[in-house]
Amino acid sequence: ENRIQGLMAELLTAPAWSEHVAQCITGEFIKRFLDVRQVLLTYLRLCCKQVGEAEDEVVDTNFMKRRRQETRPFVELFKKRGLVPQDLFSRVYSILSEAPAPVGEKQQEALDDFLPGVAEDENGEVDDIEQMLLEGRAKGSFLRNYRRLFQDAWLQLLGLPVSVKQCPQVLQFLPIHVMEHLGQPLMLADFYLRAFDSGFTELSVQSLSGLLLLLTKYGMGDPEMLLSSSNEFYSKLYSLVTPETLRLRKRARFQRLMVAALNSGLLPARFAAAFAKRCMVTAVGCTDPGSTMWLMAVAYGLIQKHHSHCRYLLHKELPAGDAPPVNFATDPFDTDATLPEAVKLVADTSLWELSLLQRHHLPAVVLLTKLFLKPFFHPSARKLDPELFLDQSAEKTYRQALRSGDRQMAKWKARSEKCPMAFKLSDDELAASVAGWAATLSTVQRKIGAES
């Protein structure tokens, strides 16, 4: 064990990281030998824990001194080589990401029912894994403890700072290869929240995807805790509904995430009106026609599904008695407000953005605004699928308008009607005179240039 730990210490603190050596260790030892796998993961967990504790600020000087003495072997070597926690994260991640996943519940039952040392893989076949060091211990004892060791090693690693360049890769890797093998997947929520608060929009979008998975698939438990977590999730989602987010290169990921979250049963009904208003405000500020129509479709679906909480956005009842209606010089809705604040402000506003979008230069946008003017609260009313507008580029919208115009022309021709003109030609004497003067001056300038 000491030799293995010494080898790993030199590998993790080397001035230059050797990916080849790391692949040899994972391929030749971690995947093959049970006991070596346990020793290596235990040491990696200890290294991450020590470096993480060294980064924490501890007020008690005596406690800090005692902790420094405990962590001196690896931490001092790590700092002596001039490395930072982000380097350790990258190096440990390359090893942990190749480590075998723990056995599932069915395989765990097989360990309890059959002889020690016999384990089944996902296909129900007996593993050919071996032991190198501790031959006196049964394989089953290693496999039974591996799930907890696997979880602890990942949690200690994710407690370290991660570089912005590597964070997207980790956020995509965890839900597929790690989350389902953890005994307590909700412990990953802290890492996703830190990624959201990193200040980068793309990381915030990817972190929300993991948070939604944690809430929907692993959020069973205390209802109060689930309610608090869902409120925090939707508050963060609300803050990302901006034109800047919809200009991202991979914005379709966020758009699908938002639709799935708003259609989920976790969405409190009182948030629906605030999200619908936010979508319409953002639609006005978007220059991309596809994003504008997608936001309108999302708002349409929210109002249609939660019409009892959103009806006043389209039709507000007049005050009872002789009280005059309340008029505002400006919209009281603040786009910089948080979701709890927006829920209070949206009660005094309306979807005046529809009147503005009715004058949009694209006929497709104008056509969508007309759907809001019809009674669409009934179950049999027309539904809008936001997925249809994800790839709605300006070129595609232009070609659709041309095809629509051709179909309209064919209908007029079938009825022997003439195509109405959108403009009228007329002669303007002043414009003709200016054009003549410009042509004359241009001719004179060319003659002067030729003579010189």
Protein backbone atom coordinates (compact mmCIF):
# COMPACT_ATOMS: atom_id res chain seq x y z
CA GLU A 1 0.00 0.00 0.00
CA ASN A 2 2.80 2.44 0.84
CA ARG A 3 4.39 1.89 -2.54
CA ILE A 4 1.13 2.51 -4.33
CA GLN A 5 0.50 5.67 -2.32
CA GLY A 6 4.04 6.89 -3.03
CA LEU A 7 3.55 6.26 -6.75
CA MET A 8 0.25 8.17 -6.75
CA ALA A 9 1.77 11.06 -4.76
CA GLU A 10 4.53 11.45 -7.34
CA LEU A 11 2.06 11.18 -10.21
CA LEU A 12 -0.37 13.75 -8.77
CA THR A 13 2.38 16.26 -7.88
CA ALA A 14 4.51 15.87 -11.01
CA PRO A 15 5.31 19.16 -12.77
CA ALA A 16 3.83 17.76 -15.98
CA TRP A 17 0.83 15.44 -15.96
CA SER A 18 1.37 12.12 -17.73
CA GLU A 19 -1.87 10.93 -19.26
CA HIS A 20 -0.16 7.76 -20.47
CA VAL A 21 0.86 6.72 -16.96
CA ALA A 22 -2.64 7.47 -15.67
CA GLN A 23 -4.18 5.26 -18.37
CA CYS A 24 -1.78 2.46 -17.53
CA ILE A 25 -2.75 2.64 -13.84
CA THR A 26 -6.49 2.60 -14.58
CA GLY A 27 -6.28 -0.08 -17.25
CA GLU A 28 -3.75 -2.43 -15.68
CA PHE A 29 -4.57 -2.06 -11.99
CA ILE A 30 -7.79 -0.22 -11.09
CA LYS A 31 -10.02 -2.12 -13.51
CA ARG A 32 -8.34 -5.46 -12.90
CA PHE A 33 -7.49 -5.73 -9.20
CA LEU A 34 -10.13 -5.17 -6.54
CA ASP A 35 -7.79 -4.45 -3.67
CA VAL A 36 -5.59 -2.05 -5.68
CA ARG A 37 -8.73 -0.23 -6.77
CA GLN A 38 -9.77 0.27 -3.15
CA VAL A 39 -6.31 1.42 -2.05
CA LEU A 40 -6.02 3.91 -4.92
CA LEU A 41 -9.48 5.41 -4.49
CA THR A 42 -8.99 5.66 -0.75
CA TYR A 43 -5.76 7.58 -1.29
CA LEU A 44 -7.30 9.84 -3.95
CA ARG A 45 -10.14 10.63 -1.57
CA LEU A 46 -7.63 11.49 1.17
CA CYS A 47 -5.60 13.76 -1.14
CA CYS A 48 -8.68 15.69 -2.26
CA LYS A 49 -9.86 16.02 1.32
CA GLN A 50 -6.51 17.32 2.55
CA VAL A 51 -6.11 19.88 -0.22
CA GLY A 52 -9.71 21.00 0.24
CA GLU A 53 -9.23 21.47 3.98
CA ALA A 54 -6.02 23.39 3.38
CA GLU A 55 -7.97 25.87 1.27
CA ASP A 56 -10.55 26.48 3.98
CA GLU A 57 -10.14 29.35 6.38
CA VAL A 58 -9.94 28.17 9.97
CA VAL A 59 -10.13 30.74 12.74
CA ASP A 60 -8.79 28.52 15.54
CA THR A 61 -5.00 28.73 15.24
CA ASN A 62 -4.38 25.63 17.38
CA PHE A 63 -6.79 23.63 15.26
CA MET A 64 -5.17 25.00 12.14
CA LYS A 65 -1.74 24.04 13.38
CA ARG A 66 -2.85 20.51 14.22
CA ARG A 67 -4.51 20.18 10.80
CA ARG A 68 -1.35 21.32 9.03
CA GLN A 69 0.62 18.65 10.83
CA GLU A 70 -1.90 16.01 9.76
CA THR A 71 -1.95 17.07 6.10
CA ARG A 72 1.76 17.87 5.74
CA PRO A 73 2.87 14.77 3.78
CA PHE A 74 0.83 15.44 0.64
CA VAL A 75 -0.20 19.09 0.95
CA GLU A 76 3.32 20.39 1.49
CA LEU A 77 4.61 18.35 -1.43
CA PHE A 78 1.70 19.61 -3.53
CA LYS A 79 2.43 23.25 -2.70
CA LYS A 80 6.18 22.77 -3.04
CA ARG A 81 5.69 21.73 -6.66
CA GLY A 82 3.80 24.99 -7.30
CA LEU A 83 0.46 23.37 -8.06
CA VAL A 84 -3.04 24.70 -7.42
CA PRO A 85 -6.25 22.83 -6.46
CA GLN A 86 -7.50 23.08 -10.06
CA ASP A 87 -4.52 20.96 -11.12
CA LEU A 88 -5.36 18.27 -8.58
CA PHE A 89 -9.00 18.30 -9.71
CA SER A 90 -8.02 17.75 -13.33
CA ARG A 91 -5.62 14.92 -12.51
CA VAL A 92 -7.85 13.05 -10.08
CA TYR A 93 -10.82 13.47 -12.44
CA SER A 94 -8.95 11.77 -15.28
CA ILE A 95 -8.47 8.72 -13.02
CA LEU A 96 -11.87 8.64 -11.34
CA SER A 97 -13.72 9.04 -14.63
CA GLU A 98 -12.16 5.74 -15.80
CA ALA A 99 -12.85 3.85 -12.56
CA PRO A 100 -15.47 1.07 -12.82
CA ALA A 101 -18.94 1.90 -11.57
CA PRO A 102 -20.21 0.13 -8.43
CA VAL A 103 -22.41 -2.92 -8.81
CA GLY A 104 -26.16 -2.37 -8.76
CA GLU A 105 -28.70 -3.62 -6.25
CA LYS A 106 -29.27 -6.91 -8.08
CA GLN A 107 -25.56 -7.58 -8.19
CA GLN A 108 -25.33 -6.68 -4.51
CA GLU A 109 -27.95 -9.32 -3.73
CA ALA A 110 -25.87 -11.83 -5.67
CA LEU A 111 -22.93 -11.06 -3.42
CA ASP A 112 -24.99 -11.90 -0.37
CA ASP A 113 -26.47 -15.09 -1.80
CA PHE A 114 -23.50 -16.70 -3.47
CA LEU A 115 -20.05 -17.65 -2.30
CA PRO A 116 -17.57 -14.93 -1.33
CA GLY A 117 -15.50 -13.78 -4.25
CA VAL A 118 -18.23 -14.34 -6.85
CA ALA A 119 -19.74 -11.22 -8.49
CA GLU A 120 -21.90 -10.66 -11.53
CA ASP A 121 -21.55 -7.81 -13.98
CA GLU A 122 -24.39 -5.94 -15.70
CA ASN A 123 -24.87 -8.82 -18.16
CA GLY A 124 -25.17 -11.39 -15.37
CA GLU A 125 -21.72 -12.87 -16.04
CA VAL A 126 -19.08 -13.61 -13.46
CA ASP A 127 -16.37 -10.97 -13.25
CA ASP A 128 -12.80 -11.99 -13.91
CA ILE A 129 -11.43 -9.38 -11.51
CA GLU A 130 -8.48 -10.41 -9.35
CA GLN A 131 -6.68 -9.50 -6.16
CA MET A 132 -3.05 -8.52 -5.90
CA LEU A 133 -2.28 -7.45 -2.32
CA LEU A 134 -4.83 -8.61 0.23
CA GLU A 135 -5.45 -12.18 -0.84
CA GLY A 136 -6.88 -13.10 2.57
CA ARG A 137 -9.96 -10.90 2.12
CA ALA A 138 -12.87 -11.99 -0.03
CA LYS A 139 -13.83 -10.09 -3.15
CA GLY A 140 -17.31 -9.55 -1.81
CA SER A 141 -16.04 -7.39 1.04
CA PHE A 142 -14.36 -5.05 -1.42
CA LEU A 143 -17.38 -4.86 -3.70
CA ARG A 144 -19.76 -4.18 -0.82
CA ASN A 145 -17.68 -1.22 0.37
CA TYR A 146 -16.90 0.09 -3.11
CA ARG A 147 -20.17 1.99 -3.55
CA ARG A 148 -19.54 4.13 -0.47
CA LEU A 149 -15.88 4.65 -1.42
CA PHE A 150 -16.91 5.60 -4.97
CA GLN A 151 -19.35 8.21 -3.63
CA ASP A 152 -16.94 9.65 -1.06
CA ALA A 153 -14.13 9.99 -3.61
CA TRP A 154 -16.37 11.88 -6.05
CA LEU A 155 -17.78 14.16 -3.34
CA GLN A 156 -14.31 15.05 -2.09
CA LEU A 157 -13.18 15.75 -5.65
CA LEU A 158 -16.18 17.96 -6.42
CA GLY A 159 -15.46 19.97 -3.29
CA LEU A 160 -12.29 21.30 -4.96
CA PRO A 161 -12.26 24.33 -7.28
CA VAL A 162 -12.64 23.39 -10.93
CA SER A 163 -11.45 25.37 -13.92
CA VAL A 164 -14.02 27.02 -16.17
CA LYS A 165 -12.63 25.12 -19.16
CA GLN A 166 -13.16 21.69 -17.57
CA CYS A 167 -16.43 22.39 -15.76
CA PRO A 168 -18.73 21.77 -18.78
CA GLN A 169 -17.16 18.35 -19.28
CA VAL A 170 -17.74 17.44 -15.64
CA LEU A 171 -21.34 18.69 -15.69
CA GLN A 172 -22.09 16.43 -18.67
CA PHE A 173 -20.27 13.43 -17.20
CA LEU A 174 -21.92 13.33 -13.76
CA PRO A 175 -25.58 12.65 -14.71
CA ILE A 176 -24.67 9.76 -17.03
CA HIS A 177 -21.81 7.98 -15.25
CA VAL A 178 -21.87 9.01 -11.59
CA MET A 179 -25.24 10.21 -10.34
CA GLU A 180 -27.13 6.92 -10.58
CA HIS A 181 -24.38 5.05 -8.70
CA LEU A 182 -24.41 7.31 -5.64
CA GLY A 183 -26.29 6.38 -2.51
CA GLN A 184 -27.22 10.05 -1.95
CA PRO A 185 -27.27 11.83 -5.34
CA LEU A 186 -28.69 15.03 -3.81
CA MET A 187 -25.25 15.69 -2.30
CA LEU A 188 -24.19 16.79 -5.80
CA ALA A 189 -26.54 19.78 -5.60
CA ASP A 190 -23.87 21.95 -3.97
CA PHE A 191 -21.51 21.44 -6.93
CA TYR A 192 -24.25 22.35 -9.42
CA LEU A 193 -25.17 25.47 -7.44
CA ARG A 194 -21.54 26.60 -7.38
CA ALA A 195 -21.35 26.09 -11.14
CA PHE A 196 -24.48 28.20 -11.60
CA ASP A 197 -22.98 31.07 -9.57
CA SER A 198 -19.74 31.00 -11.59
CA GLY A 199 -20.89 33.99 -13.66
CA PHE A 200 -20.83 32.19 -17.03
CA THR A 201 -24.18 31.75 -18.75
CA GLU A 202 -23.30 28.47 -20.45
CA LEU A 203 -22.25 26.91 -17.14
CA SER A 204 -25.44 28.17 -15.51
CA VAL A 205 -27.54 26.49 -18.20
CA GLN A 206 -25.72 23.17 -17.86
CA SER A 207 -25.89 23.25 -14.06
CA LEU A 208 -29.65 23.81 -14.18
CA SER A 209 -29.99 20.69 -16.29
CA GLY A 210 -28.39 18.64 -13.52
CA LEU A 211 -30.44 20.35 -10.83
CA LEU A 212 -33.67 19.55 -12.65
CA LEU A 213 -32.64 15.90 -12.88
CA LEU A 214 -31.90 15.85 -9.15
CA LEU A 215 -35.30 17.32 -8.35
CA THR A 216 -37.37 15.16 -10.67
CA LYS A 217 -35.59 11.82 -10.35
CA TYR A 218 -33.96 11.95 -6.92
CA GLY A 219 -36.02 14.63 -5.15
CA MET A 220 -38.16 12.22 -3.13
CA GLY A 221 -38.15 12.83 0.59
CA ASP A 222 -39.17 15.67 2.85
CA PRO A 223 -41.89 17.72 1.06
CA GLU A 224 -40.70 20.96 2.69
CA MET A 225 -37.15 20.38 1.47
CA LEU A 226 -38.41 19.55 -2.01
CA LEU A 227 -40.53 22.72 -2.09
CA SER A 228 -37.59 24.87 -0.99
CA SER A 229 -35.29 23.28 -3.58
CA SER A 230 -37.81 23.70 -6.39
CA ASN A 231 -38.35 27.37 -5.50
CA GLU A 232 -34.61 27.98 -5.64
CA PHE A 233 -34.35 26.12 -8.94
CA TYR A 234 -37.12 28.16 -10.60
CA SER A 235 -35.65 31.39 -9.25
CA LYS A 236 -32.37 30.60 -10.99
CA LEU A 237 -34.17 29.52 -14.16
CA TYR A 238 -36.13 32.78 -14.15
CA SER A 239 -32.93 34.83 -14.00
CA LEU A 240 -31.66 33.15 -17.19
CA VAL A 241 -34.64 34.13 -19.36
CA THR A 242 -32.80 36.97 -21.10
CA PRO A 243 -31.90 37.85 -24.71
CA GLU A 244 -28.25 37.14 -23.87
CA THR A 245 -29.05 33.52 -22.99
CA LEU A 246 -30.98 33.03 -26.24
CA ARG A 247 -27.98 34.23 -28.21
CA LEU A 248 -25.79 31.35 -27.00
CA ARG A 249 -24.45 28.95 -29.58
CA LYS A 250 -26.02 25.95 -27.78
CA ARG A 251 -29.20 27.70 -26.69
CA ALA A 252 -31.41 24.76 -27.75
CA ARG A 253 -30.26 22.89 -24.63
CA PHE A 254 -31.51 25.68 -22.41
CA GLN A 255 -34.75 26.02 -24.35
CA ARG A 256 -35.59 22.33 -23.99
CA LEU A 257 -34.63 22.46 -20.31
CA MET A 258 -36.90 25.44 -19.72
CA VAL A 259 -39.88 23.83 -21.45
CA ALA A 260 -39.41 20.61 -19.46
CA ALA A 261 -39.15 22.55 -16.20
CA LEU A 262 -42.22 24.70 -16.88
CA ASN A 263 -44.27 21.64 -17.86
CA SER A 264 -43.18 19.78 -14.74
CA GLY A 265 -45.50 19.35 -11.79
CA LEU A 266 -42.84 20.98 -9.61
CA LEU A 267 -43.70 24.44 -11.00
CA PRO A 268 -45.80 26.35 -8.44
CA ALA A 269 -48.85 27.81 -10.19
CA ARG A 270 -48.19 31.24 -8.71
CA PHE A 271 -44.96 31.46 -10.76
CA ALA A 272 -46.71 30.92 -14.12
CA ALA A 273 -47.77 34.54 -14.67
CA ALA A 274 -44.29 35.87 -13.84
CA PHE A 275 -42.68 33.46 -16.31
CA ALA A 276 -45.24 34.32 -19.01
CA LYS A 277 -44.63 38.04 -18.57
CA ARG A 278 -40.85 37.53 -18.55
CA CYS A 279 -41.08 35.55 -21.79
CA MET A 280 -43.04 38.30 -23.54
CA VAL A 281 -40.69 41.03 -22.33
CA THR A 282 -37.72 39.03 -23.57
CA ALA A 283 -39.47 38.32 -26.88
CA VAL A 284 -39.68 42.06 -27.57
CA GLY A 285 -35.93 42.42 -26.99
CA CYS A 286 -34.89 39.46 -29.17
CA THR A 287 -33.64 40.11 -32.70
CA ASP A 288 -33.78 36.46 -33.75
CA PRO A 289 -37.25 35.59 -35.10
CA GLY A 290 -37.01 31.98 -33.92
CA SER A 291 -36.33 33.02 -30.32
CA THR A 292 -39.17 35.54 -30.43
CA MET A 293 -41.70 32.97 -31.64
CA TRP A 294 -40.37 30.32 -29.22
CA LEU A 295 -40.86 32.66 -26.25
CA MET A 296 -44.36 33.51 -27.42
CA ALA A 297 -45.19 29.80 -27.68
CA VAL A 298 -43.89 29.20 -24.13
CA ALA A 299 -45.96 32.09 -22.77
CA TYR A 300 -49.01 30.83 -24.69
CA GLY A 301 -48.64 27.39 -23.15
CA LEU A 302 -48.20 28.76 -19.62
CA ILE A 303 -51.31 30.95 -19.85
CA GLN A 304 -53.28 28.10 -21.38
CA LYS A 305 -52.27 25.64 -18.67
CA HIS A 306 -52.53 28.04 -15.70
CA HIS A 307 -55.32 30.28 -17.00
CA SER A 308 -56.77 30.88 -13.54
CA HIS A 309 -53.48 32.49 -12.45
CA CYS A 310 -52.71 34.25 -15.75
CA ARG A 311 -56.08 35.38 -17.12
CA TYR A 312 -55.66 38.92 -15.80
CA LEU A 313 -52.62 39.42 -18.01
CA LEU A 314 -54.95 39.50 -21.04
CA HIS A 315 -58.18 40.75 -19.51
CA LYS A 316 -58.23 42.70 -16.27
CA GLU A 317 -61.57 43.37 -14.62
CA LEU A 318 -62.50 46.99 -13.94
CA PRO A 319 -62.64 48.10 -10.29
CA ALA A 320 -66.00 47.72 -8.60
CA GLY A 321 -68.17 50.78 -8.07
CA ASP A 322 -67.18 54.22 -9.30
CA ALA A 323 -63.46 53.72 -8.73
CA PRO A 324 -61.50 54.72 -11.83
CA PRO A 325 -59.15 52.18 -13.40
CA VAL A 326 -55.53 52.37 -12.29
CA ASN A 327 -53.20 53.75 -14.94
CA PHE A 328 -49.41 53.61 -14.85
CA ALA A 329 -47.07 55.97 -16.65
CA THR A 330 -44.58 53.07 -16.93
CA ASP A 331 -44.83 49.33 -16.64
CA PRO A 332 -44.45 48.41 -12.93
CA PHE A 333 -42.90 45.10 -13.94
CA ASP A 334 -39.12 45.15 -13.35
CA THR A 335 -37.02 42.75 -15.40
CA ASP A 336 -34.19 43.00 -12.85
CA ALA A 337 -36.41 41.81 -10.00
CA THR A 338 -36.06 38.33 -8.56
CA LEU A 339 -38.79 35.75 -9.05
CA PRO A 340 -40.46 36.33 -5.63
CA GLU A 341 -40.51 40.07 -6.33
CA ALA A 342 -41.80 39.54 -9.88
CA VAL A 343 -44.72 37.47 -8.56
CA LYS A 344 -45.87 40.55 -6.63
CA LEU A 345 -45.24 43.02 -9.46
CA VAL A 346 -46.95 41.00 -12.20
CA ALA A 347 -50.34 41.49 -10.55
CA ASP A 348 -50.30 45.18 -11.61
CA THR A 349 -49.24 44.70 -15.21
CA SER A 350 -50.51 43.14 -18.44
CA LEU A 351 -49.18 41.69 -21.68
CA TRP A 352 -48.98 45.01 -23.48
CA GLU A 353 -46.12 43.48 -25.47
CA LEU A 354 -48.73 41.80 -27.68
CA SER A 355 -49.77 45.19 -29.08
CA LEU A 356 -46.15 45.88 -29.92
CA LEU A 357 -45.56 42.47 -31.51
CA GLN A 358 -48.68 42.94 -33.65
CA ARG A 359 -46.64 45.50 -35.58
CA HIS A 360 -43.67 43.16 -36.05
CA HIS A 361 -42.08 43.13 -39.50
CA LEU A 362 -42.48 39.34 -39.76
CA PRO A 363 -45.97 38.09 -40.66
CA ALA A 364 -45.33 34.85 -38.72
CA VAL A 365 -44.91 36.79 -35.46
CA VAL A 366 -48.04 38.81 -36.15
CA LEU A 367 -49.95 35.57 -36.79
CA LEU A 368 -48.89 34.22 -33.37
CA THR A 369 -50.10 37.34 -31.61
CA LYS A 370 -53.58 36.77 -33.02
CA LEU A 371 -53.78 33.46 -31.17
CA PHE A 372 -53.67 35.33 -27.85
CA LEU A 373 -56.74 37.34 -28.84
CA LYS A 374 -58.91 34.22 -29.16
CA PRO A 375 -60.35 32.21 -26.25
CA PHE A 376 -57.71 29.50 -25.89
CA PHE A 377 -58.39 28.36 -22.32
CA HIS A 378 -60.60 25.42 -23.30
CA PRO A 379 -59.05 21.92 -23.41
CA SER A 380 -59.98 21.64 -27.09
CA ALA A 381 -58.25 24.92 -28.00
CA ARG A 382 -55.23 24.95 -30.25
CA LYS A 383 -51.90 23.97 -28.66
CA LEU A 384 -48.50 25.40 -29.55
CA ASP A 385 -45.37 23.24 -29.41
CA PRO A 386 -42.30 25.38 -28.66
CA GLU A 387 -40.12 22.66 -30.18
CA LEU A 388 -41.26 23.74 -33.65
CA PHE A 389 -39.54 27.12 -33.28
CA LEU A 390 -36.12 25.94 -32.07
CA ASP A 391 -34.59 25.97 -35.57
CA GLN A 392 -36.65 28.88 -36.86
CA SER A 393 -33.92 30.98 -38.46
CA ALA A 394 -34.43 34.18 -40.46
CA GLU A 395 -33.78 32.31 -43.71
CA LYS A 396 -36.32 29.61 -42.88
CA THR A 397 -38.89 32.25 -41.93
CA TYR A 398 -38.29 34.06 -45.23
CA ARG A 399 -38.76 30.86 -47.26
CA GLN A 400 -41.95 30.05 -45.36
CA ALA A 401 -43.27 33.53 -46.16
CA LEU A 402 -42.52 32.99 -49.84
CA ARG A 403 -44.36 29.66 -49.85
CA SER A 404 -47.28 31.23 -48.03
CA GLY A 405 -47.39 34.02 -50.61
CA ASP A 406 -47.37 31.49 -53.46
CA ARG A 407 -50.29 29.63 -51.92
CA GLN A 408 -52.22 32.87 -51.49
CA MET A 409 -51.54 33.83 -55.10
CA ALA A 410 -52.83 30.43 -56.23
CA LYS A 411 -56.07 30.99 -54.31
CA TRP A 412 -56.57 34.44 -55.86
CA LYS A 413 -55.87 33.04 -59.32
CA ALA A 414 -58.41 30.27 -58.76
CA ARG A 415 -61.01 32.90 -57.85
CA SER A 416 -59.97 35.11 -60.80
CA GLU A 417 -58.88 37.85 -58.45
CA LYS A 418 -55.95 40.20 -58.88
CA CYS A 419 -53.07 40.41 -56.46
CA PRO A 420 -53.41 43.59 -54.39
CA MET A 421 -50.42 45.93 -54.48
CA ALA A 422 -48.72 46.74 -51.20
CA PHE A 423 -47.56 50.12 -52.51
CA LYS A 424 -48.45 52.64 -55.23
CA LEU A 425 -46.03 54.02 -57.78
CA SER A 426 -46.12 57.76 -58.39
CA ASP A 427 -43.84 60.27 -60.09
CA ASP A 428 -42.06 62.73 -57.83
CA GLU A 429 -40.80 65.77 -59.72
CA LEU A 430 -38.34 66.81 -57.00
CA ALA A 431 -36.86 63.31 -56.78
CA ALA A 432 -36.50 63.16 -60.57
CA SER A 433 -34.72 66.56 -60.59
CA VAL A 434 -32.29 65.47 -57.83
CA ALA A 435 -31.53 62.26 -59.71
CA GLY A 436 -30.86 64.26 -62.89
CA TRP A 437 -28.52 66.67 -61.12
CA ALA A 438 -26.62 63.77 -59.60
CA ALA A 439 -26.22 62.12 -63.01
CA THR A 440 -25.03 65.39 -64.57
CA LEU A 441 -22.47 66.04 -61.84
CA SER A 442 -21.20 62.48 -62.12
CA THR A 443 -20.71 62.89 -65.87
CA VAL A 444 -18.86 66.21 -65.41
CA GLN A 445 -16.55 64.69 -62.81
CA ARG A 446 -15.66 61.83 -65.15
CA LYS A 447 -14.83 64.27 -67.97
CA ILE A 448 -12.59 66.34 -65.67
CA GLY A 449 -10.81 63.21 -64.50
CA ALA A 450 -10.23 62.04 -68.07
CA GLU A 451 -8.81 65.40 -69.16
CA SER A 452 -6.43 65.61 -66.20
